[in-house]
Amino acid sequence: MEGYYYSCMDKSRQAAYQAVQKGIQNLEEEFQVPYLEAAELYDVFFQLRLDHPEIFWAPAYRYRRYRDSPNMIMEPEYLFDKGKIREHQRMMASRIEKLARPAEKLTEWEKELYIHDFICRNVRYDKLKKPYSHEIIGPLGHGVGVCEGIAKTVKILCDRLGVWCMIPVCGNNPEKGIKYRHTWNILRINGTYVHLDATFDNTLGNGEADGLRYDYFNLDDRAVFRDHEPLIAPAPACASSELFYYRAARLSFTRMEEVGRRTEQAARKGKPFTFHWRGGGLNRELLEEILDTARKSGEKKGKRLRASVNPAQAVFHLEYGEAVEEQVLLEEANEGERE
């Protein structure tokens, strides 16, 4: 399958991409690559591994060039020896097949949901950032990953299940305390391109059935770049918000009356309740009005409110209880990528 980044490259980069792909797949110690400037070669190597997350054993490389040669010599750095790589290849293939099998007959939306929920229930963010956490072997083999490893895992499962998927990349921003590049996924669901950031959702909620969060499930460009930095490489435009999880689940409200009615139901049942506000920009005054409405809903039922709010995406997670200590927490997703 032709990768998205490969399709965006000129012929010289595509030639280097093919040479690197062949050499690494053959586990060669060194091989020739058509000459590129150092920054160009880095981009080709990085984007190749985003297109092909099944290549998990070569996170870095060295290179050298002889004067007047049209080629350079690449020496990939492998995480394991060749025997161990082949063993891990078999293990990863078996793991992917086992995970994908129950979802084969689902719709594209349901496959995406299945993959998202697997990540949020079974993978924790690796703050130590071990080398394998940048690859599928981290989430699939060890239950840990950073954004790159998580995005690659989403993509390889999408690839296996026939859902179009790529991995966009945004830059760091030291002024905001964002030290690293960030990666997530763009999927094509029923012909519509959407953003899915399982890493961001994985920093919210508690991973249990009632605690899973979908704040970054099928966002459009306008919504995702409220708290993501600008892209540093090409990616498809995501123009529609119709497939956003809370909107599709009819949990996206535009009127305060809806908030009052649904939060009263939640307070009566005593179950956690998560919803999205799309009735205008979420400024401080509107935030307080929504929380006050939710608080009064609990008081009518003799219960206190504990709320978590993701202001960037205007998502509210509420819990009601008689023994609950009243609390309002403002959440910021992707805490693992910040200082």
C-alpha atoms as a PDB file:
ATOM      1  CA  MET A   1       0.000   0.000   0.000  1.00  0.00           C
ATOM      2  CA  GLU A   2       1.407   3.388  -1.017  1.00  0.00           C
ATOM      3  CA  GLY A   3       1.933   5.606   2.007  1.00  0.00           C
ATOM      4  CA  TYR A   4       0.461   9.095   2.291  1.00  0.00           C
ATOM      5  CA  TYR A   5       3.816  10.798   2.812  1.00  0.00           C
ATOM      6  CA  TYR A   6       5.363   8.877  -0.079  1.00  0.00           C
ATOM      7  CA  SER A   7       2.611  10.191  -2.357  1.00  0.00           C
ATOM      8  CA  CYS A   8       3.518  13.780  -1.389  1.00  0.00           C
ATOM      9  CA  MET A   9       7.249  13.435  -2.186  1.00  0.00           C
ATOM     10  CA  ASP A  10       9.128  14.409  -5.321  1.00  0.00           C
ATOM     11  CA  LYS A  11      10.906  11.693  -7.320  1.00  0.00           C
ATOM     12  CA  SER A  12      14.302  12.123  -5.630  1.00  0.00           C
ATOM     13  CA  ARG A  13      12.800  11.661  -2.168  1.00  0.00           C
ATOM     14  CA  GLN A  14      10.682   8.756  -3.357  1.00  0.00           C
ATOM     15  CA  ALA A  15      13.824   7.041  -4.644  1.00  0.00           C
ATOM     16  CA  ALA A  16      15.532   7.494  -1.273  1.00  0.00           C
ATOM     17  CA  TYR A  17      12.356   6.332   0.528  1.00  0.00           C
ATOM     18  CA  GLN A  18      12.289   3.113  -1.519  1.00  0.00           C
ATOM     19  CA  ALA A  19      15.971   2.423  -0.908  1.00  0.00           C
ATOM     20  CA  VAL A  20      15.644   2.959   2.849  1.00  0.00           C
ATOM     21  CA  GLN A  21      12.497   0.852   3.032  1.00  0.00           C
ATOM     22  CA  LYS A  22      14.096  -2.053   1.169  1.00  0.00           C
ATOM     23  CA  GLY A  23      17.325  -1.936   3.186  1.00  0.00           C
ATOM     24  CA  ILE A  24      15.587  -1.856   6.568  1.00  0.00           C
ATOM     25  CA  GLN A  25      13.066  -4.544   5.665  1.00  0.00           C
ATOM     26  CA  ASN A  26      15.953  -6.760   4.577  1.00  0.00           C
ATOM     27  CA  LEU A  27      17.738  -6.019   7.892  1.00  0.00           C
ATOM     28  CA  GLU A  28      20.874  -4.884   6.052  1.00  0.00           C
ATOM     29  CA  GLU A  29      23.734  -3.471   8.111  1.00  0.00           C
ATOM     30  CA  GLU A  30      24.365  -0.775   5.504  1.00  0.00           C
ATOM     31  CA  PHE A  31      23.059   0.106   2.067  1.00  0.00           C
ATOM     32  CA  GLN A  32      23.193   2.829  -0.575  1.00  0.00           C
ATOM     33  CA  VAL A  33      20.647   5.654  -0.736  1.00  0.00           C
ATOM     34  CA  PRO A  34      20.447   8.356  -3.460  1.00  0.00           C
ATOM     35  CA  TYR A  35      22.027  11.519  -2.107  1.00  0.00           C
ATOM     36  CA  LEU A  36      19.855  13.976  -0.166  1.00  0.00           C
ATOM     37  CA  GLU A  37      20.718  16.828   2.158  1.00  0.00           C
ATOM     38  CA  ALA A  38      20.791  15.749   5.816  1.00  0.00           C
ATOM     39  CA  ALA A  39      17.442  17.390   6.699  1.00  0.00           C
ATOM     40  CA  GLU A  40      15.780  15.848   3.644  1.00  0.00           C
ATOM     41  CA  LEU A  41      17.078  12.389   4.531  1.00  0.00           C
ATOM     42  CA  TYR A  42      15.802  12.757   8.102  1.00  0.00           C
ATOM     43  CA  ASP A  43      12.336  13.703   6.833  1.00  0.00           C
ATOM     44  CA  VAL A  44      12.260  10.728   4.458  1.00  0.00           C
ATOM     45  CA  PHE A  45      13.322   8.334   7.215  1.00  0.00           C
ATOM     46  CA  PHE A  46      10.812   9.738   9.719  1.00  0.00           C
ATOM     47  CA  GLN A  47       7.906   9.843   7.265  1.00  0.00           C
ATOM     48  CA  LEU A  48       8.642   6.358   5.952  1.00  0.00           C
ATOM     49  CA  ARG A  49       8.174   5.011   9.468  1.00  0.00           C
ATOM     50  CA  LEU A  50       4.909   6.953   9.843  1.00  0.00           C
ATOM     51  CA  ASP A  51       3.653   5.414   6.594  1.00  0.00           C
ATOM     52  CA  HIS A  52       4.818   1.956   7.681  1.00  0.00           C
ATOM     53  CA  PRO A  53       4.475   1.464  11.454  1.00  0.00           C
ATOM     54  CA  GLU A  54       5.194  -2.241  10.938  1.00  0.00           C
ATOM     55  CA  ILE A  55       8.859  -1.130  10.685  1.00  0.00           C
ATOM     56  CA  PHE A  56       9.410  -0.869  14.449  1.00  0.00           C
ATOM     57  CA  TRP A  57      12.994  -2.023  14.849  1.00  0.00           C
ATOM     58  CA  ALA A  58      14.932   0.871  13.273  1.00  0.00           C
ATOM     59  CA  PRO A  59      14.486   4.115  15.233  1.00  0.00           C
ATOM     60  CA  ALA A  60      17.681   5.869  14.058  1.00  0.00           C
ATOM     61  CA  TYR A  61      20.562   5.761  11.607  1.00  0.00           C
ATOM     62  CA  ARG A  62      24.024   7.044  10.716  1.00  0.00           C
ATOM     63  CA  TYR A  63      25.227   7.885   7.235  1.00  0.00           C
ATOM     64  CA  ARG A  64      28.356   8.754   5.309  1.00  0.00           C
ATOM     65  CA  ARG A  65      29.131   9.920   1.780  1.00  0.00           C
ATOM     66  CA  TYR A  66      32.181   9.705  -0.426  1.00  0.00           C
ATOM     67  CA  ARG A  67      33.172  12.774  -2.409  1.00  0.00           C
ATOM     68  CA  ASP A  68      31.542  13.042  -5.855  1.00  0.00           C
ATOM     69  CA  SER A  69      29.386   9.958  -5.258  1.00  0.00           C
ATOM     70  CA  PRO A  70      25.699  10.233  -6.265  1.00  0.00           C
ATOM     71  CA  ASN A  71      24.818   8.006  -3.313  1.00  0.00           C
ATOM     72  CA  MET A  72      25.270   7.943   0.425  1.00  0.00           C
ATOM     73  CA  ILE A  73      25.737   4.952   2.725  1.00  0.00           C
ATOM     74  CA  MET A  74      23.077   4.510   5.414  1.00  0.00           C
ATOM     75  CA  GLU A  75      23.755   2.455   8.528  1.00  0.00           C
ATOM     76  CA  PRO A  76      20.451   1.876  10.389  1.00  0.00           C
ATOM     77  CA  GLU A  77      20.507   1.436  14.154  1.00  0.00           C
ATOM     78  CA  TYR A  78      18.374  -1.541  15.140  1.00  0.00           C
ATOM     79  CA  LEU A  79      16.688  -1.965  18.533  1.00  0.00           C
ATOM     80  CA  PHE A  80      17.387  -5.717  18.543  1.00  0.00           C
ATOM     81  CA  ASP A  81      19.603  -8.274  16.838  1.00  0.00           C
ATOM     82  CA  LYS A  82      18.237  -9.880  13.672  1.00  0.00           C
ATOM     83  CA  GLY A  83      16.969 -13.015  15.375  1.00  0.00           C
ATOM     84  CA  LYS A  84      15.108 -10.983  17.975  1.00  0.00           C
ATOM     85  CA  ILE A  85      13.664  -8.683  15.276  1.00  0.00           C
ATOM     86  CA  ARG A  86      12.172 -11.680  13.444  1.00  0.00           C
ATOM     87  CA  GLU A  87      10.788 -13.016  16.704  1.00  0.00           C
ATOM     88  CA  HIS A  88       9.174  -9.655  17.487  1.00  0.00           C
ATOM     89  CA  GLN A  89       7.815  -9.457  13.930  1.00  0.00           C
ATOM     90  CA  ARG A  90       5.992 -12.760  14.447  1.00  0.00           C
ATOM     91  CA  MET A  91       4.711 -11.624  17.837  1.00  0.00           C
ATOM     92  CA  MET A  92       3.465  -8.282  16.508  1.00  0.00           C
ATOM     93  CA  ALA A  93       1.759  -9.904  13.500  1.00  0.00           C
ATOM     94  CA  SER A  94      -0.007 -12.365  15.808  1.00  0.00           C
ATOM     95  CA  ARG A  95      -1.009  -9.616  18.235  1.00  0.00           C
ATOM     96  CA  ILE A  96      -2.414  -7.400  15.469  1.00  0.00           C
ATOM     97  CA  GLU A  97      -4.336 -10.302  13.949  1.00  0.00           C
ATOM     98  CA  LYS A  98      -5.820 -11.285  17.298  1.00  0.00           C
ATOM     99  CA  LEU A  99      -6.884  -7.705  18.060  1.00  0.00           C
ATOM    100  CA  ALA A 100      -8.332  -7.067  14.615  1.00  0.00           C
ATOM    101  CA  ARG A 101     -10.348 -10.257  14.233  1.00  0.00           C
ATOM    102  CA  PRO A 102     -13.314  -9.264  16.480  1.00  0.00           C
ATOM    103  CA  ALA A 103     -13.718  -5.961  14.586  1.00  0.00           C
ATOM    104  CA  GLU A 104     -13.539  -7.215  11.000  1.00  0.00           C
ATOM    105  CA  LYS A 105     -17.293  -7.007  10.338  1.00  0.00           C
ATOM    106  CA  LEU A 106     -17.880  -3.667  12.050  1.00  0.00           C
ATOM    107  CA  THR A 107     -18.571  -0.400  10.224  1.00  0.00           C
ATOM    108  CA  GLU A 108     -15.697   2.054   9.738  1.00  0.00           C
ATOM    109  CA  TRP A 109     -17.009   4.185  12.644  1.00  0.00           C
ATOM    110  CA  GLU A 110     -17.238   1.117  14.894  1.00  0.00           C
ATOM    111  CA  LYS A 111     -13.737  -0.009  13.931  1.00  0.00           C
ATOM    112  CA  GLU A 112     -12.382   3.413  14.854  1.00  0.00           C
ATOM    113  CA  LEU A 113     -14.237   3.296  18.178  1.00  0.00           C
ATOM    114  CA  TYR A 114     -12.902  -0.206  18.869  1.00  0.00           C
ATOM    115  CA  ILE A 115      -9.296   0.906  18.254  1.00  0.00           C
ATOM    116  CA  HIS A 116      -9.687   4.097  20.311  1.00  0.00           C
ATOM    117  CA  ASP A 117     -11.153   2.214  23.270  1.00  0.00           C
ATOM    118  CA  PHE A 118      -8.432  -0.438  23.118  1.00  0.00           C
ATOM    119  CA  ILE A 119      -5.788   2.291  23.427  1.00  0.00           C
ATOM    120  CA  CYS A 120      -7.538   4.114  26.278  1.00  0.00           C
ATOM    121  CA  ARG A 121      -8.138   0.929  28.274  1.00  0.00           C
ATOM    122  CA  ASN A 122      -4.848  -0.860  27.698  1.00  0.00           C
ATOM    123  CA  VAL A 123      -2.046   1.658  27.053  1.00  0.00           C
ATOM    124  CA  ARG A 124      -0.555   4.113  29.517  1.00  0.00           C
ATOM    125  CA  TYR A 125       1.638   7.050  28.643  1.00  0.00           C
ATOM    126  CA  ASP A 126       5.337   6.262  29.103  1.00  0.00           C
ATOM    127  CA  LYS A 127       6.824   9.310  30.772  1.00  0.00           C
ATOM    128  CA  LEU A 128      10.251   7.650  30.730  1.00  0.00           C
ATOM    129  CA  LYS A 129      10.031   7.578  26.912  1.00  0.00           C
ATOM    130  CA  LYS A 130      11.778   4.242  26.354  1.00  0.00           C
ATOM    131  CA  PRO A 131      12.936   3.742  22.731  1.00  0.00           C
ATOM    132  CA  TYR A 132      10.308   1.085  22.014  1.00  0.00           C
ATOM    133  CA  SER A 133       7.543   3.404  23.247  1.00  0.00           C
ATOM    134  CA  HIS A 134       7.891   5.338  19.971  1.00  0.00           C
ATOM    135  CA  GLU A 135       7.013   2.171  18.041  1.00  0.00           C
ATOM    136  CA  ILE A 136       4.064  -0.265  17.939  1.00  0.00           C
ATOM    137  CA  ILE A 137       5.989  -2.690  20.123  1.00  0.00           C
ATOM    138  CA  GLY A 138       5.459  -0.313  23.081  1.00  0.00           C
ATOM    139  CA  PRO A 139       1.633  -0.211  23.118  1.00  0.00           C
ATOM    140  CA  LEU A 140       1.128  -3.712  21.658  1.00  0.00           C
ATOM    141  CA  GLY A 141       3.919  -5.513  23.497  1.00  0.00           C
ATOM    142  CA  HIS A 142       4.362  -3.620  26.758  1.00  0.00           C
ATOM    143  CA  GLY A 143       1.155  -1.618  27.239  1.00  0.00           C
ATOM    144  CA  VAL A 144       3.035   1.697  27.209  1.00  0.00           C
ATOM    145  CA  GLY A 145       3.684   4.344  24.572  1.00  0.00           C
ATOM    146  CA  VAL A 146       4.284   7.974  23.754  1.00  0.00           C
ATOM    147  CA  CYS A 147       2.212   9.812  21.160  1.00  0.00           C
ATOM    148  CA  GLU A 148       4.253   8.462  18.235  1.00  0.00           C
ATOM    149  CA  GLY A 149       3.921   4.837  19.333  1.00  0.00           C
ATOM    150  CA  ILE A 150       0.211   5.279  20.046  1.00  0.00           C
ATOM    151  CA  ALA A 151      -0.445   6.937  16.663  1.00  0.00           C
ATOM    152  CA  LYS A 152       1.483   4.172  14.891  1.00  0.00           C
ATOM    153  CA  THR A 153      -0.562   1.551  16.737  1.00  0.00           C
ATOM    154  CA  VAL A 154      -3.817   3.222  15.680  1.00  0.00           C
ATOM    155  CA  LYS A 155      -2.578   3.291  12.087  1.00  0.00           C
ATOM    156  CA  ILE A 156      -1.440  -0.317  11.921  1.00  0.00           C
ATOM    157  CA  LEU A 157      -4.778  -1.508  13.307  1.00  0.00           C
ATOM    158  CA  CYS A 158      -6.628   0.746  10.839  1.00  0.00           C
ATOM    159  CA  ASP A 159      -4.480  -0.641   8.019  1.00  0.00           C
ATOM    160  CA  ARG A 160      -5.337  -4.175   9.063  1.00  0.00           C
ATOM    161  CA  LEU A 161      -9.063  -3.364   9.251  1.00  0.00           C
ATOM    162  CA  GLY A 162      -9.186  -1.492   5.948  1.00  0.00           C
ATOM    163  CA  VAL A 163      -9.739   2.007   7.348  1.00  0.00           C
ATOM    164  CA  TRP A 164      -7.736   4.760   5.631  1.00  0.00           C
ATOM    165  CA  CYS A 165      -5.406   6.404   8.137  1.00  0.00           C
ATOM    166  CA  MET A 166      -2.304   8.606   8.272  1.00  0.00           C
ATOM    167  CA  ILE A 167      -0.227  10.239  11.014  1.00  0.00           C
ATOM    168  CA  PRO A 168       0.011  14.060  11.041  1.00  0.00           C
ATOM    169  CA  VAL A 169       2.857  15.811  12.860  1.00  0.00           C
ATOM    170  CA  CYS A 170       2.908  19.190  14.583  1.00  0.00           C
ATOM    171  CA  GLY A 171       5.886  21.076  15.981  1.00  0.00           C
ATOM    172  CA  ASN A 172       6.968  21.809  19.525  1.00  0.00           C
ATOM    173  CA  ASN A 173       6.446  25.144  21.269  1.00  0.00           C
ATOM    174  CA  PRO A 174       8.929  25.891  24.084  1.00  0.00           C
ATOM    175  CA  GLU A 175       7.050  29.067  25.030  1.00  0.00           C
ATOM    176  CA  LYS A 176       4.053  26.910  25.997  1.00  0.00           C
ATOM    177  CA  GLY A 177       6.227  24.262  27.649  1.00  0.00           C
ATOM    178  CA  ILE A 178       5.674  21.820  24.758  1.00  0.00           C
ATOM    179  CA  LYS A 179       9.074  20.182  24.358  1.00  0.00           C
ATOM    180  CA  TYR A 180       8.375  17.645  21.628  1.00  0.00           C
ATOM    181  CA  ARG A 181       6.670  17.190  18.318  1.00  0.00           C
ATOM    182  CA  HIS A 182       3.232  15.636  18.637  1.00  0.00           C
ATOM    183  CA  THR A 183       1.607  12.994  16.435  1.00  0.00           C
ATOM    184  CA  TRP A 184      -1.956  11.684  16.217  1.00  0.00           C
ATOM    185  CA  ASN A 185      -4.125  10.321  13.385  1.00  0.00           C
ATOM    186  CA  ILE A 186      -6.314  11.449  10.523  1.00  0.00           C
ATOM    187  CA  LEU A 187      -8.835   8.842   9.389  1.00  0.00           C
ATOM    188  CA  ARG A 188     -11.261   8.754   6.490  1.00  0.00           C
ATOM    189  CA  ILE A 189     -14.620   7.593   7.856  1.00  0.00           C
ATOM    190  CA  ASN A 190     -17.411   7.176   5.317  1.00  0.00           C
ATOM    191  CA  GLY A 191     -15.506   9.467   2.965  1.00  0.00           C
ATOM    192  CA  THR A 192     -14.943  12.220   5.561  1.00  0.00           C
ATOM    193  CA  TYR A 193     -11.488  13.118   6.917  1.00  0.00           C
ATOM    194  CA  VAL A 194     -11.381  13.538  10.711  1.00  0.00           C
ATOM    195  CA  HIS A 195      -8.790  13.950  13.465  1.00  0.00           C
ATOM    196  CA  LEU A 196      -8.447  11.245  16.128  1.00  0.00           C
ATOM    197  CA  ASP A 197      -6.033  11.861  18.999  1.00  0.00           C
ATOM    198  CA  ALA A 198      -6.078   8.775  21.201  1.00  0.00           C
ATOM    199  CA  THR A 199      -3.096  10.082  23.199  1.00  0.00           C
ATOM    200  CA  PHE A 200      -5.021  13.194  24.257  1.00  0.00           C
ATOM    201  CA  ASP A 201      -8.118  11.166  25.181  1.00  0.00           C
ATOM    202  CA  ASN A 202      -5.880   8.756  27.066  1.00  0.00           C
ATOM    203  CA  THR A 203      -4.843  11.551  29.460  1.00  0.00           C
ATOM    204  CA  LEU A 204      -8.520  12.154  30.354  1.00  0.00           C
ATOM    205  CA  GLY A 205     -10.935   9.959  32.288  1.00  0.00           C
ATOM    206  CA  ASN A 206      -9.913   6.800  34.099  1.00  0.00           C
ATOM    207  CA  GLY A 207      -9.968   4.140  31.380  1.00  0.00           C
ATOM    208  CA  GLU A 208     -13.041   2.377  32.743  1.00  0.00           C
ATOM    209  CA  ALA A 209     -16.273   1.976  30.755  1.00  0.00           C
ATOM    210  CA  ASP A 210     -17.888   5.059  32.327  1.00  0.00           C
ATOM    211  CA  GLY A 211     -14.645   7.012  32.303  1.00  0.00           C
ATOM    212  CA  LEU A 212     -13.587   6.782  28.658  1.00  0.00           C
ATOM    213  CA  ARG A 213     -13.374  10.160  26.995  1.00  0.00           C
ATOM    214  CA  TYR A 214     -13.950  11.090  23.360  1.00  0.00           C
ATOM    215  CA  ASP A 215     -12.984  14.768  23.398  1.00  0.00           C
ATOM    216  CA  TYR A 216     -10.594  14.182  20.451  1.00  0.00           C
ATOM    217  CA  PHE A 217     -12.654  11.632  18.508  1.00  0.00           C
ATOM    218  CA  ASN A 218     -13.347  12.953  14.984  1.00  0.00           C
ATOM    219  CA  LEU A 219     -12.529  16.634  15.343  1.00  0.00           C
ATOM    220  CA  ASP A 220     -12.375  19.026  12.414  1.00  0.00           C
ATOM    221  CA  ASP A 221      -9.382  21.299  11.776  1.00  0.00           C
ATOM    222  CA  ARG A 222     -10.903  24.265  13.601  1.00  0.00           C
ATOM    223  CA  ALA A 223     -11.428  22.259  16.788  1.00  0.00           C
ATOM    224  CA  VAL A 224      -8.190  20.261  16.849  1.00  0.00           C
ATOM    225  CA  PHE A 225      -5.933  23.294  16.430  1.00  0.00           C
ATOM    226  CA  ARG A 226      -7.391  24.934  19.524  1.00  0.00           C
ATOM    227  CA  ASP A 227      -4.839  22.921  21.502  1.00  0.00           C
ATOM    228  CA  HIS A 228      -2.549  21.406  18.854  1.00  0.00           C
ATOM    229  CA  GLU A 229       0.343  23.248  17.252  1.00  0.00           C
ATOM    230  CA  PRO A 230       0.436  23.879  13.464  1.00  0.00           C
ATOM    231  CA  LEU A 231       1.403  20.961  11.218  1.00  0.00           C
ATOM    232  CA  ILE A 232       4.975  20.727   9.940  1.00  0.00           C
ATOM    233  CA  ALA A 233       4.146  18.297   7.101  1.00  0.00           C
ATOM    234  CA  PRO A 234       1.237  17.999   4.656  1.00  0.00           C
ATOM    235  CA  ALA A 235      -2.020  16.328   5.718  1.00  0.00           C
ATOM    236  CA  PRO A 236      -5.585  16.154   4.370  1.00  0.00           C
ATOM    237  CA  ALA A 237      -7.975  18.923   5.409  1.00  0.00           C
ATOM    238  CA  CYS A 238     -10.651  17.921   7.926  1.00  0.00           C
ATOM    239  CA  ALA A 239     -13.583  20.243   7.311  1.00  0.00           C
ATOM    240  CA  SER A 240     -16.596  18.528   8.901  1.00  0.00           C
ATOM    241  CA  SER A 241     -17.634  18.257  12.570  1.00  0.00           C
ATOM    242  CA  GLU A 242     -20.624  16.001  11.862  1.00  0.00           C
ATOM    243  CA  LEU A 243     -18.763  12.857  12.976  1.00  0.00           C
ATOM    244  CA  PHE A 244     -17.479  14.322  16.258  1.00  0.00           C
ATOM    245  CA  TYR A 245     -18.266  11.707  18.889  1.00  0.00           C
ATOM    246  CA  TYR A 246     -20.433  13.782  21.232  1.00  0.00           C
ATOM    247  CA  ARG A 247     -22.333  15.302  18.350  1.00  0.00           C
ATOM    248  CA  ALA A 248     -23.008  11.902  16.780  1.00  0.00           C
ATOM    249  CA  ALA A 249     -24.076  10.565  20.205  1.00  0.00           C
ATOM    250  CA  ARG A 250     -26.442  13.548  20.702  1.00  0.00           C
ATOM    251  CA  LEU A 251     -24.413  14.746  23.659  1.00  0.00           C
ATOM    252  CA  SER A 252     -23.521  18.118  22.131  1.00  0.00           C
ATOM    253  CA  PHE A 253     -25.780  20.892  23.434  1.00  0.00           C
ATOM    254  CA  THR A 254     -26.494  24.392  22.178  1.00  0.00           C
ATOM    255  CA  ARG A 255     -29.040  25.574  24.778  1.00  0.00           C
ATOM    256  CA  MET A 256     -28.795  25.917  28.553  1.00  0.00           C
ATOM    257  CA  GLU A 257     -32.215  24.261  28.858  1.00  0.00           C
ATOM    258  CA  GLU A 258     -30.703  21.083  27.383  1.00  0.00           C
ATOM    259  CA  VAL A 259     -27.882  21.205  29.909  1.00  0.00           C
ATOM    260  CA  GLY A 260     -30.356  21.596  32.778  1.00  0.00           C
ATOM    261  CA  ARG A 261     -32.627  18.776  31.651  1.00  0.00           C
ATOM    262  CA  ARG A 262     -29.844  16.267  30.978  1.00  0.00           C
ATOM    263  CA  THR A 263     -27.876  17.067  34.133  1.00  0.00           C
ATOM    264  CA  GLU A 264     -31.028  16.599  36.234  1.00  0.00           C
ATOM    265  CA  GLN A 265     -31.377  13.145  34.692  1.00  0.00           C
ATOM    266  CA  ALA A 266     -27.740  12.399  35.489  1.00  0.00           C
ATOM    267  CA  ALA A 267     -28.118  13.607  39.093  1.00  0.00           C
ATOM    268  CA  ARG A 268     -31.216  11.454  39.586  1.00  0.00           C
ATOM    269  CA  LYS A 269     -29.492   8.332  38.227  1.00  0.00           C
ATOM    270  CA  GLY A 270     -26.205   9.082  40.041  1.00  0.00           C
ATOM    271  CA  LYS A 271     -24.154   8.054  37.015  1.00  0.00           C
ATOM    272  CA  PRO A 272     -21.220   9.935  35.428  1.00  0.00           C
ATOM    273  CA  PHE A 273     -22.284  12.176  32.563  1.00  0.00           C
ATOM    274  CA  THR A 274     -20.114  13.691  29.827  1.00  0.00           C
ATOM    275  CA  PHE A 275     -21.297  16.245  27.277  1.00  0.00           C
ATOM    276  CA  HIS A 276     -20.043  18.852  24.822  1.00  0.00           C
ATOM    277  CA  TRP A 277     -21.105  22.501  24.599  1.00  0.00           C
ATOM    278  CA  ARG A 278     -21.362  24.003  21.105  1.00  0.00           C
ATOM    279  CA  GLY A 279     -23.629  26.940  21.854  1.00  0.00           C
ATOM    280  CA  GLY A 280     -20.923  29.560  21.435  1.00  0.00           C
ATOM    281  CA  GLY A 281     -17.378  30.206  22.628  1.00  0.00           C
ATOM    282  CA  LEU A 282     -16.684  28.892  26.130  1.00  0.00           C
ATOM    283  CA  ASN A 283     -15.593  32.058  27.960  1.00  0.00           C
ATOM    284  CA  ARG A 284     -15.334  32.326  31.745  1.00  0.00           C
ATOM    285  CA  GLU A 285     -18.891  33.667  32.157  1.00  0.00           C
ATOM    286  CA  LEU A 286     -20.440  30.884  30.084  1.00  0.00           C
ATOM    287  CA  LEU A 287     -18.333  28.254  31.832  1.00  0.00           C
ATOM    288  CA  GLU A 288     -19.634  29.431  35.210  1.00  0.00           C
ATOM    289  CA  GLU A 289     -23.225  29.464  33.948  1.00  0.00           C
ATOM    290  CA  ILE A 290     -22.979  25.863  32.723  1.00  0.00           C
ATOM    291  CA  LEU A 291     -21.384  24.707  35.975  1.00  0.00           C
ATOM    292  CA  ASP A 292     -23.993  26.591  38.023  1.00  0.00           C
ATOM    293  CA  THR A 293     -26.774  24.916  36.031  1.00  0.00           C
ATOM    294  CA  ALA A 294     -25.198  21.515  36.641  1.00  0.00           C
ATOM    295  CA  ARG A 295     -24.699  22.315  40.335  1.00  0.00           C
ATOM    296  CA  LYS A 296     -28.362  23.273  40.787  1.00  0.00           C
ATOM    297  CA  SER A 297     -29.416  20.032  39.082  1.00  0.00           C
ATOM    298  CA  GLY A 298     -27.573  18.132  41.783  1.00  0.00           C
ATOM    299  CA  GLU A 299     -28.998  20.238  44.601  1.00  0.00           C
ATOM    300  CA  LYS A 300     -32.534  19.399  43.470  1.00  0.00           C
ATOM    301  CA  LYS A 301     -31.705  15.739  44.071  1.00  0.00           C
ATOM    302  CA  GLY A 302     -29.759  16.327  47.277  1.00  0.00           C
ATOM    303  CA  LYS A 303     -26.416  15.599  45.626  1.00  0.00           C
ATOM    304  CA  ARG A 304     -23.133  17.425  45.183  1.00  0.00           C
ATOM    305  CA  LEU A 305     -21.293  17.979  41.932  1.00  0.00           C
ATOM    306  CA  ARG A 306     -17.763  17.013  40.986  1.00  0.00           C
ATOM    307  CA  ALA A 307     -16.856  18.321  37.530  1.00  0.00           C
ATOM    308  CA  SER A 308     -13.909  17.981  35.158  1.00  0.00           C
ATOM    309  CA  VAL A 309     -13.817  20.424  32.265  1.00  0.00           C
ATOM    310  CA  ASN A 310     -11.701  20.384  29.120  1.00  0.00           C
ATOM    311  CA  PRO A 311     -12.020  24.092  28.187  1.00  0.00           C
ATOM    312  CA  ALA A 312     -10.170  23.773  24.871  1.00  0.00           C
ATOM    313  CA  GLN A 313     -12.804  21.377  23.528  1.00  0.00           C
ATOM    314  CA  ALA A 314     -15.734  22.541  25.725  1.00  0.00           C
ATOM    315  CA  VAL A 315     -16.306  19.069  27.169  1.00  0.00           C
ATOM    316  CA  PHE A 316     -17.752  18.594  30.675  1.00  0.00           C
ATOM    317  CA  HIS A 317     -17.491  15.400  32.725  1.00  0.00           C
ATOM    318  CA  LEU A 318     -19.819  15.380  35.739  1.00  0.00           C
ATOM    319  CA  GLU A 319     -20.266  13.087  38.723  1.00  0.00           C
ATOM    320  CA  TYR A 320     -23.020  13.419  41.343  1.00  0.00           C
ATOM    321  CA  GLY A 321     -23.164  11.900  44.811  1.00  0.00           C
ATOM    322  CA  GLU A 322     -24.322  12.527  48.348  1.00  0.00           C
ATOM    323  CA  ALA A 323     -20.854  11.847  49.754  1.00  0.00           C
ATOM    324  CA  VAL A 324     -18.993  13.586  46.908  1.00  0.00           C
ATOM    325  CA  GLU A 325     -16.840  16.574  47.813  1.00  0.00           C
ATOM    326  CA  GLU A 326     -17.738  19.428  45.480  1.00  0.00           C
ATOM    327  CA  GLN A 327     -14.889  20.110  43.072  1.00  0.00           C
ATOM    328  CA  VAL A 328     -14.242  21.665  39.658  1.00  0.00           C
ATOM    329  CA  LEU A 329     -11.102  20.551  37.814  1.00  0.00           C
ATOM    330  CA  LEU A 330      -9.918  22.236  34.629  1.00  0.00           C
ATOM    331  CA  GLU A 331      -8.222  19.593  32.498  1.00  0.00           C
ATOM    332  CA  GLU A 332      -5.498  19.942  29.894  1.00  0.00           C
ATOM    333  CA  ALA A 333      -5.038  16.943  27.629  1.00  0.00           C
ATOM    334  CA  ASN A 334      -1.633  15.551  26.583  1.00  0.00           C
ATOM    335  CA  GLU A 335       0.044  16.347  29.867  1.00  0.00           C
ATOM    336  CA  GLY A 336       2.723  13.788  29.053  1.00  0.00           C
ATOM    337  CA  GLU A 337       4.080  15.968  26.258  1.00  0.00           C
ATOM    338  CA  ARG A 338       4.580  19.051  28.421  1.00  0.00           C
ATOM    339  CA  GLU A 339       7.232  20.065  30.923  1.00  0.00           C
END
